[in-house]
Amino acid sequence: MSTAATAPTAGHSVMAQAKNRQATFFDKVQQRSWGIVTYGMTPPKASTESAKLPELAATQQERLKSLNIDAVVIYDIHDEAERTAAMAPRPFPFAETLDGFTYARDYLGDVGVPYVHFRCIAKYTKSQFASYCEQQAAASSTGSSTASPVVTSSPTSAVFVGAAASTQQLDFTMQDAYAMRQALCPTLPLGGVAIAERHQAKGTEHLRMVQKQTEGGCSYFITQCVYNLEEAKNLLSDYYYHCRRQGLAMVPILVTLTPCGSKKSLEFLEWLGVKVSKWITNDLLLTTREGGILEESVEALVHMFRDLALFAAAKGIPLGCNVESVAIRRAEIEASMALVATVQQILAEVAMMPRPARSPTTIGVPAVPYPYPMPSVSAAAA
């Protein structure tokens, strides 16, 4: 098989880009397209009063429908006690959330694009996970769940997530999860997780990705949030050259960007294992900007993503982006929504560049004022 994907070429026209935007998330994944953009969020806390859920869901649905995205990613949160035991105390206390699949089905409803549901296998017994797979099979055969008070026509995909720590005892393995999906809901589109920090530590993340792709059935990857450009490039590079040597088609890789709005949020990212470059940490903690840490983090993410887009485009890697908002502060939510538009503009403009001009060795990160509009962060909101 060829490593060529539906990545940007010099002949891409504005019309072709517009036509591609009309394709569905599943079309773009199948075609291994450049420029898939998703929006990630967490479900409400389990302690949220049930009477407030419809109004909360309506607000979120309106927000999601206003975004020009390909899919909505809903995370599956667990307390990661093993990580807590091995590291410093968790910066924020753990709060259980509602089940993402149930919340989307019963409250959010149809948001106009598919859902991508993360499923942490550490949270479930083998029988519970099998039941989830059976639900997916039933939903795909009927189009929706008849038990749901809200009938949603938004189709779904899933991303299975393994243990938070190697010492964690699980009722079943990732291989078991992939086998259950194949046996019980083989038509469920599947994505995988890619972690640049794990690649930096072990040097084998690209091989894990290929194994998930060829044996587990993953047709795209979503990274852990990225705050270290060098480590992200290293992972992309090793994946690209391995696929080229093996004659394996590369699948879309969605780089996760997460605006950071406070010192405590930065501590939480690091507690989760996110490697934040020292220069970014310095800029965030020592900023004198009116918009504070949030504005500084968004600018760093925009510059970093453009560099990654140039790097990926030069190699034909089908890069995309997952912008996530896991905070409850309005300023951070609005910053993440504005970041979606900026990311889309970067992807579109890089796609239109002729191949020689795309090379990071000839362009690099511009020293001139940035050509893309920065998402605005007001001092009052921040």
Protein backbone atom coordinates (compact mmCIF):
# COMPACT_ATOMS: atom_id res chain seq x y z
CA MET A 1 0.00 0.00 0.00
CA SER A 2 1.09 3.55 -0.63
CA THR A 3 1.80 5.96 2.19
CA ALA A 4 0.03 8.67 0.22
CA ALA A 5 -3.04 10.09 1.93
CA THR A 6 -5.53 12.76 1.03
CA ALA A 7 -3.05 15.35 2.21
CA PRO A 8 -2.57 18.80 0.70
CA THR A 9 -1.00 19.07 -2.72
CA ALA A 10 -0.03 22.06 -4.82
CA GLY A 11 -3.07 21.51 -7.01
CA HIS A 12 -5.62 21.82 -4.22
CA SER A 13 -8.11 24.50 -5.17
CA VAL A 14 -10.42 26.56 -3.02
CA MET A 15 -13.32 24.66 -4.59
CA ALA A 16 -11.78 21.33 -3.62
CA GLN A 17 -11.30 22.54 -0.05
CA ALA A 18 -14.93 23.67 0.14
CA LYS A 19 -16.13 20.34 -1.22
CA ASN A 20 -14.02 18.46 1.32
CA ARG A 21 -15.57 20.45 4.16
CA GLN A 22 -18.97 19.05 3.13
CA ALA A 23 -17.73 15.49 3.59
CA THR A 24 -18.59 13.83 6.88
CA PHE A 25 -16.14 12.94 9.61
CA PHE A 26 -16.35 9.30 8.55
CA ASP A 27 -15.76 10.20 4.88
CA LYS A 28 -12.65 12.17 5.81
CA VAL A 29 -11.32 9.41 8.04
CA GLN A 30 -11.88 6.80 5.34
CA GLN A 31 -10.20 9.02 2.75
CA ARG A 32 -7.35 9.77 5.19
CA SER A 33 -7.96 13.45 4.63
CA TRP A 34 -5.99 16.46 5.74
CA GLY A 35 -7.68 18.99 8.02
CA ILE A 36 -10.17 17.07 10.20
CA VAL A 37 -11.16 19.28 13.15
CA THR A 38 -12.98 18.09 16.27
CA TYR A 39 -14.01 19.68 19.55
CA GLY A 40 -13.46 17.86 22.85
CA MET A 41 -15.44 18.21 26.06
CA THR A 42 -16.25 16.41 29.29
CA PRO A 43 -19.75 15.43 30.39
CA PRO A 44 -21.28 17.26 33.39
CA LYS A 45 -20.40 16.16 36.90
CA ALA A 46 -22.41 13.24 38.22
CA SER A 47 -23.49 15.48 41.10
CA THR A 48 -25.32 17.86 38.72
CA GLU A 49 -29.02 18.05 39.57
CA SER A 50 -30.99 16.10 36.98
CA ALA A 51 -33.46 18.99 36.64
CA LYS A 52 -30.64 21.25 35.42
CA LEU A 53 -29.31 18.85 32.78
CA PRO A 54 -31.77 19.73 29.96
CA GLU A 55 -30.95 23.45 30.17
CA LEU A 56 -27.21 22.76 30.40
CA ALA A 57 -27.39 20.41 27.43
CA ALA A 58 -29.35 22.95 25.37
CA THR A 59 -26.65 25.57 25.98
CA GLN A 60 -23.90 23.13 25.02
CA GLN A 61 -25.81 21.94 21.95
CA GLU A 62 -26.19 25.51 20.71
CA ARG A 63 -22.47 26.12 21.28
CA LEU A 64 -21.48 22.94 19.44
CA LYS A 65 -23.77 23.63 16.48
CA SER A 66 -22.16 27.06 16.08
CA LEU A 67 -18.76 25.48 15.45
CA ASN A 68 -17.70 24.40 11.98
CA ILE A 69 -16.31 21.04 13.14
CA ASP A 70 -16.31 17.45 11.93
CA ALA A 71 -17.12 15.70 15.22
CA VAL A 72 -17.60 16.21 18.96
CA VAL A 73 -15.23 14.28 21.24
CA ILE A 74 -16.65 13.34 24.64
CA TYR A 75 -14.15 12.18 27.24
CA ASP A 76 -14.52 9.37 29.73
CA ILE A 77 -13.06 10.50 33.06
CA HIS A 78 -11.81 8.31 35.89
CA ASP A 79 -9.86 9.11 39.04
CA GLU A 80 -6.53 7.51 38.03
CA ALA A 81 -5.80 6.49 41.62
CA GLU A 82 -2.64 4.65 40.55
CA ARG A 83 -1.23 7.87 39.10
CA THR A 84 -2.13 9.73 42.30
CA ALA A 85 -0.36 7.12 44.42
CA ALA A 86 2.84 7.39 42.40
CA MET A 87 2.95 11.17 42.07
CA ALA A 88 2.22 14.41 43.87
CA PRO A 89 -1.38 14.96 45.00
CA ARG A 90 -3.89 15.73 42.27
CA PRO A 91 -4.11 19.55 41.83
CA PHE A 92 -7.90 19.38 41.45
CA PRO A 93 -10.04 16.94 43.44
CA PHE A 94 -11.54 14.20 41.30
CA ALA A 95 -15.25 14.59 40.51
CA GLU A 96 -17.09 11.74 38.83
CA THR A 97 -18.89 12.70 35.62
CA LEU A 98 -21.95 11.36 33.90
CA ASP A 99 -21.40 8.63 31.35
CA GLY A 100 -20.58 10.43 28.11
CA PHE A 101 -22.44 8.05 25.83
CA THR A 102 -25.60 8.28 27.95
CA TYR A 103 -25.36 12.07 28.26
CA ALA A 104 -24.99 12.53 24.51
CA ARG A 105 -27.82 10.14 23.77
CA ASP A 106 -30.29 11.34 26.38
CA TYR A 107 -29.56 15.06 26.63
CA LEU A 108 -27.28 16.57 23.98
CA GLY A 109 -29.03 14.79 21.15
CA ASP A 110 -28.27 15.58 17.53
CA VAL A 111 -25.52 18.20 17.26
CA GLY A 112 -25.21 17.92 13.49
CA VAL A 113 -21.94 15.97 13.53
CA PRO A 114 -20.90 12.56 14.89
CA TYR A 115 -19.78 11.90 18.45
CA VAL A 116 -16.43 10.35 19.27
CA HIS A 117 -16.69 8.64 22.65
CA PHE A 118 -13.59 7.91 24.69
CA ARG A 119 -13.94 4.72 26.75
CA CYS A 120 -11.43 4.12 29.56
CA ILE A 121 -11.26 0.37 29.96
CA ALA A 122 -10.01 0.77 33.55
CA LYS A 123 -13.49 1.92 34.58
CA TYR A 124 -15.34 -1.18 33.44
CA THR A 125 -15.55 -4.88 33.98
CA LYS A 126 -15.32 -7.09 30.95
CA SER A 127 -19.07 -7.70 30.99
CA GLN A 128 -19.82 -3.96 31.28
CA PHE A 129 -17.59 -3.22 28.32
CA ALA A 130 -19.21 -6.00 26.30
CA SER A 131 -22.60 -4.46 27.12
CA TYR A 132 -21.38 -1.11 25.78
CA CYS A 133 -20.28 -2.78 22.54
CA GLU A 134 -23.68 -4.44 22.23
CA GLN A 135 -25.35 -1.03 22.71
CA GLN A 136 -23.26 0.33 19.86
CA ALA A 137 -24.28 -2.55 17.63
CA ALA A 138 -27.96 -2.02 18.48
CA ALA A 139 -27.71 1.74 17.88
CA SER A 140 -26.07 1.26 14.49
CA SER A 141 -28.75 -1.21 13.38
CA THR A 142 -31.74 0.92 14.47
CA GLY A 143 -30.29 4.40 13.96
CA SER A 144 -30.98 5.42 17.56
CA SER A 145 -31.90 4.09 20.96
CA THR A 146 -35.62 3.65 21.53
CA ALA A 147 -34.99 3.88 25.28
CA SER A 148 -33.71 7.41 24.94
CA PRO A 149 -35.99 10.40 25.75
CA VAL A 150 -34.07 12.31 23.06
CA VAL A 151 -33.74 10.58 19.70
CA THR A 152 -30.33 11.43 18.31
CA SER A 153 -29.38 10.90 14.71
CA SER A 154 -25.72 11.72 15.41
CA PRO A 155 -23.69 8.60 14.61
CA THR A 156 -20.80 7.62 16.86
CA SER A 157 -17.20 6.50 16.85
CA ALA A 158 -15.09 5.35 19.79
CA VAL A 159 -11.56 5.68 21.15
CA PHE A 160 -10.49 3.03 23.65
CA VAL A 161 -8.09 4.21 26.37
CA GLY A 162 -5.86 1.87 28.39
CA ALA A 163 -4.51 1.99 31.92
CA ALA A 164 -3.25 5.27 33.39
CA ALA A 165 -0.24 3.47 34.89
CA SER A 166 1.54 0.21 34.12
CA THR A 167 0.87 -1.02 37.67
CA GLN A 168 -2.89 -0.68 37.29
CA GLN A 169 -4.81 -3.95 37.56
CA LEU A 170 -7.47 -4.31 34.87
CA ASP A 171 -10.30 -6.78 34.40
CA PHE A 172 -9.38 -7.04 30.72
CA THR A 173 -6.74 -5.74 28.31
CA MET A 174 -6.77 -3.40 25.33
CA GLN A 175 -6.40 -6.47 23.12
CA ASP A 176 -9.56 -7.86 24.75
CA ALA A 177 -11.34 -4.55 24.08
CA TYR A 178 -10.39 -4.62 20.40
CA ALA A 179 -11.49 -8.25 20.17
CA MET A 180 -14.89 -7.44 21.74
CA ARG A 181 -15.39 -4.58 19.33
CA GLN A 182 -14.57 -6.86 16.41
CA ALA A 183 -16.93 -9.57 17.65
CA LEU A 184 -19.83 -7.44 18.91
CA CYS A 185 -19.81 -4.16 16.93
CA PRO A 186 -17.37 -4.52 14.03
CA THR A 187 -18.87 -1.57 12.14
CA LEU A 188 -18.15 0.87 14.99
CA PRO A 189 -15.47 3.27 13.63
CA LEU A 190 -12.51 3.21 15.97
CA GLY A 191 -9.78 5.68 16.81
CA GLY A 192 -6.71 5.40 19.01
CA VAL A 193 -4.70 7.53 21.42
CA ALA A 194 -1.19 8.73 20.58
CA ILE A 195 1.07 10.17 23.28
CA ALA A 196 4.22 12.06 22.34
CA GLU A 197 5.51 11.99 25.93
CA ARG A 198 5.38 8.18 25.94
CA HIS A 199 7.31 8.19 22.68
CA GLN A 200 9.94 10.44 24.21
CA ALA A 201 10.32 8.04 27.15
CA LYS A 202 10.21 4.72 25.27
CA GLY A 203 10.71 5.52 21.60
CA THR A 204 8.03 3.04 20.51
CA GLU A 205 4.79 5.03 20.35
CA HIS A 206 4.80 4.97 16.54
CA LEU A 207 4.94 1.16 16.68
CA ARG A 208 2.01 1.09 19.12
CA MET A 209 0.09 3.30 16.68
CA VAL A 210 0.80 0.97 13.78
CA GLN A 211 -0.24 -2.05 15.86
CA LYS A 212 -3.50 -0.34 16.84
CA GLN A 213 -4.04 0.55 13.21
CA THR A 214 -3.30 -2.87 11.68
CA GLU A 215 -4.46 -5.20 14.46
CA GLY A 216 -6.91 -3.12 16.49
CA GLY A 217 -8.72 -1.51 13.57
CA CYS A 218 -7.97 2.13 14.45
CA SER A 219 -8.55 4.43 11.48
CA TYR A 220 -7.40 7.70 13.11
CA PHE A 221 -5.55 8.92 16.19
CA ILE A 222 -6.13 11.69 18.72
CA THR A 223 -3.09 12.81 20.68
CA GLN A 224 -2.80 13.75 24.30
CA CYS A 225 -2.77 17.54 24.47
CA VAL A 226 0.47 18.92 23.05
CA TYR A 227 2.62 21.60 24.65
CA ASN A 228 6.00 20.39 23.39
CA LEU A 229 6.67 20.92 19.70
CA GLU A 230 9.86 18.87 19.50
CA GLU A 231 8.32 15.75 21.03
CA ALA A 232 5.27 16.01 18.78
CA LYS A 233 7.46 16.33 15.69
CA ASN A 234 9.54 13.34 16.75
CA LEU A 235 6.44 11.15 16.98
CA LEU A 236 5.08 12.32 13.63
CA SER A 237 8.47 11.78 12.00
CA ASP A 238 8.94 8.24 13.30
CA TYR A 239 5.38 7.31 12.33
CA TYR A 240 5.88 8.73 8.83
CA TYR A 241 9.20 6.99 8.14
CA HIS A 242 8.01 3.67 9.58
CA CYS A 243 4.88 3.73 7.42
CA ARG A 244 6.98 4.64 4.38
CA ARG A 245 9.35 1.73 4.97
CA GLN A 246 6.46 -0.70 5.52
CA GLY A 247 4.36 0.59 2.60
CA LEU A 248 1.56 1.35 5.04
CA ALA A 249 -0.98 4.13 4.50
CA MET A 250 -0.89 6.76 7.23
CA VAL A 251 -4.18 7.58 8.94
CA PRO A 252 -5.30 11.01 10.22
CA ILE A 253 -3.60 12.25 13.38
CA LEU A 254 -5.55 14.89 15.31
CA VAL A 255 -3.28 16.98 17.51
CA THR A 256 -5.05 18.04 20.70
CA LEU A 257 -4.76 21.69 21.75
CA THR A 258 -5.87 22.74 25.22
CA PRO A 259 -5.98 26.40 26.29
CA CYS A 260 -4.59 26.84 29.81
CA GLY A 261 -6.13 29.57 31.93
CA SER A 262 -4.39 29.42 35.29
CA LYS A 263 -1.30 28.29 37.17
CA LYS A 264 -3.30 25.47 38.72
CA SER A 265 -4.47 24.30 35.31
CA LEU A 266 -0.83 24.21 34.21
CA GLU A 267 0.02 22.10 37.26
CA PHE A 268 -2.83 19.75 36.38
CA LEU A 269 -1.59 19.33 32.80
CA GLU A 270 1.83 18.38 34.13
CA TRP A 271 0.26 16.01 36.68
CA LEU A 272 -1.54 14.28 33.79
CA GLY A 273 1.83 13.66 32.15
CA VAL A 274 1.73 16.47 29.60
CA LYS A 275 5.26 17.74 28.89
CA VAL A 276 5.14 21.53 28.73
CA SER A 277 8.22 23.09 27.15
CA LYS A 278 10.22 25.16 29.60
CA TRP A 279 9.94 28.27 27.45
CA ILE A 280 6.16 27.94 27.38
CA THR A 281 6.04 27.46 31.16
CA ASN A 282 8.14 30.59 31.60
CA ASP A 283 5.91 32.59 29.26
CA LEU A 284 2.76 31.44 31.02
CA LEU A 285 3.91 32.01 34.58
CA LEU A 286 5.77 35.27 33.96
CA THR A 287 3.42 36.88 31.45
CA THR A 288 2.56 40.55 31.75
CA ARG A 289 -0.18 40.39 29.11
CA GLU A 290 -3.53 41.89 29.89
CA GLY A 291 -5.17 38.58 28.99
CA GLY A 292 -2.86 36.70 31.35
CA ILE A 293 -1.94 33.02 31.16
CA LEU A 294 -4.90 32.18 28.94
CA GLU A 295 -3.93 34.59 26.19
CA GLU A 296 -0.29 33.50 26.40
CA SER A 297 -1.19 29.83 26.14
CA VAL A 298 -3.45 30.33 23.13
CA GLU A 299 -0.73 32.22 21.25
CA ALA A 300 1.81 29.48 22.04
CA LEU A 301 -0.62 26.82 20.80
CA VAL A 302 -1.33 28.68 17.56
CA HIS A 303 2.36 29.15 16.73
CA MET A 304 3.12 25.54 17.64
CA PHE A 305 0.26 24.13 15.56
CA ARG A 306 1.25 26.10 12.50
CA ASP A 307 4.77 24.70 12.74
CA LEU A 308 3.35 21.16 13.09
CA ALA A 309 1.04 21.73 10.10
CA LEU A 310 3.96 22.85 7.92
CA PHE A 311 6.03 19.88 9.08
CA ALA A 312 3.23 17.37 8.45
CA ALA A 313 2.20 18.82 5.09
CA ALA A 314 5.75 18.58 3.75
CA LYS A 315 5.61 14.83 4.40
CA GLY A 316 2.00 14.26 3.35
CA ILE A 317 0.93 13.32 6.90
CA PRO A 318 -2.88 13.74 7.15
CA LEU A 319 -2.84 16.12 10.11
CA GLY A 320 -5.93 17.44 11.87
CA CYS A 321 -6.73 19.01 15.21
CA ASN A 322 -8.80 18.32 18.29
CA VAL A 323 -9.43 21.52 20.25
CA GLU A 324 -10.59 20.67 23.73
CA SER A 325 -12.34 22.58 26.47
CA VAL A 326 -12.32 20.74 29.77
CA ALA A 327 -12.66 23.84 31.94
CA ILE A 328 -15.85 25.36 33.32
CA ARG A 329 -14.65 28.98 33.18
CA ARG A 330 -16.42 30.91 30.44
CA ALA A 331 -13.22 32.63 29.30
CA GLU A 332 -11.50 29.31 28.62
CA ILE A 333 -14.54 27.91 26.81
CA GLU A 334 -14.74 30.98 24.57
CA ALA A 335 -10.99 30.85 23.92
CA SER A 336 -11.26 27.22 22.82
CA MET A 337 -14.14 28.02 20.47
CA ALA A 338 -12.19 30.89 18.89
CA LEU A 339 -9.16 28.62 18.59
CA VAL A 340 -11.20 26.24 16.40
CA ALA A 341 -11.58 28.93 13.73
CA THR A 342 -7.89 29.85 13.88
CA VAL A 343 -6.83 26.21 13.54
CA GLN A 344 -9.12 25.75 10.54
CA GLN A 345 -7.59 28.79 8.86
CA ILE A 346 -4.07 27.46 9.44
CA LEU A 347 -4.98 24.06 8.00
CA ALA A 348 -6.67 25.61 4.96
CA GLU A 349 -3.82 28.01 4.20
CA VAL A 350 -1.08 25.40 4.65
CA ALA A 351 -3.03 23.11 2.32
CA MET A 352 -2.94 25.80 -0.37
CA MET A 353 0.82 26.32 -0.22
CA PRO A 354 2.88 24.75 -3.02
CA ARG A 355 4.93 21.86 -1.68
CA PRO A 356 8.40 23.51 -1.81
CA ALA A 357 7.14 26.50 0.17
CA ARG A 358 5.68 24.22 2.82
CA SER A 359 9.00 22.79 3.90
CA PRO A 360 9.76 23.81 7.49
CA THR A 361 13.43 23.99 6.50
CA THR A 362 12.68 26.87 4.14
CA ILE A 363 9.89 28.61 6.03
CA GLY A 364 10.15 27.83 9.72
CA VAL A 365 8.19 29.86 12.23
CA PRO A 366 7.89 33.44 10.96
CA ALA A 367 9.49 36.21 12.97
CA VAL A 368 7.10 38.73 11.46
CA PRO A 369 3.69 39.46 13.06
CA TYR A 370 1.58 36.33 12.95
CA PRO A 371 -0.63 36.16 9.84
CA TYR A 372 -3.58 34.51 11.59
CA PRO A 373 -6.04 36.28 13.87
CA MET A 374 -5.36 35.33 17.47
CA PRO A 375 -8.43 34.28 19.45
CA SER A 376 -9.18 37.30 21.60
CA VAL A 377 -9.06 36.95 25.37
CA SER A 378 -10.41 39.94 27.24
CA ALA A 379 -8.87 40.94 30.55
CA ALA A 380 -12.29 41.02 32.13
CA ALA A 381 -13.10 37.48 31.04
CA ALA A 382 -9.71 36.12 32.01
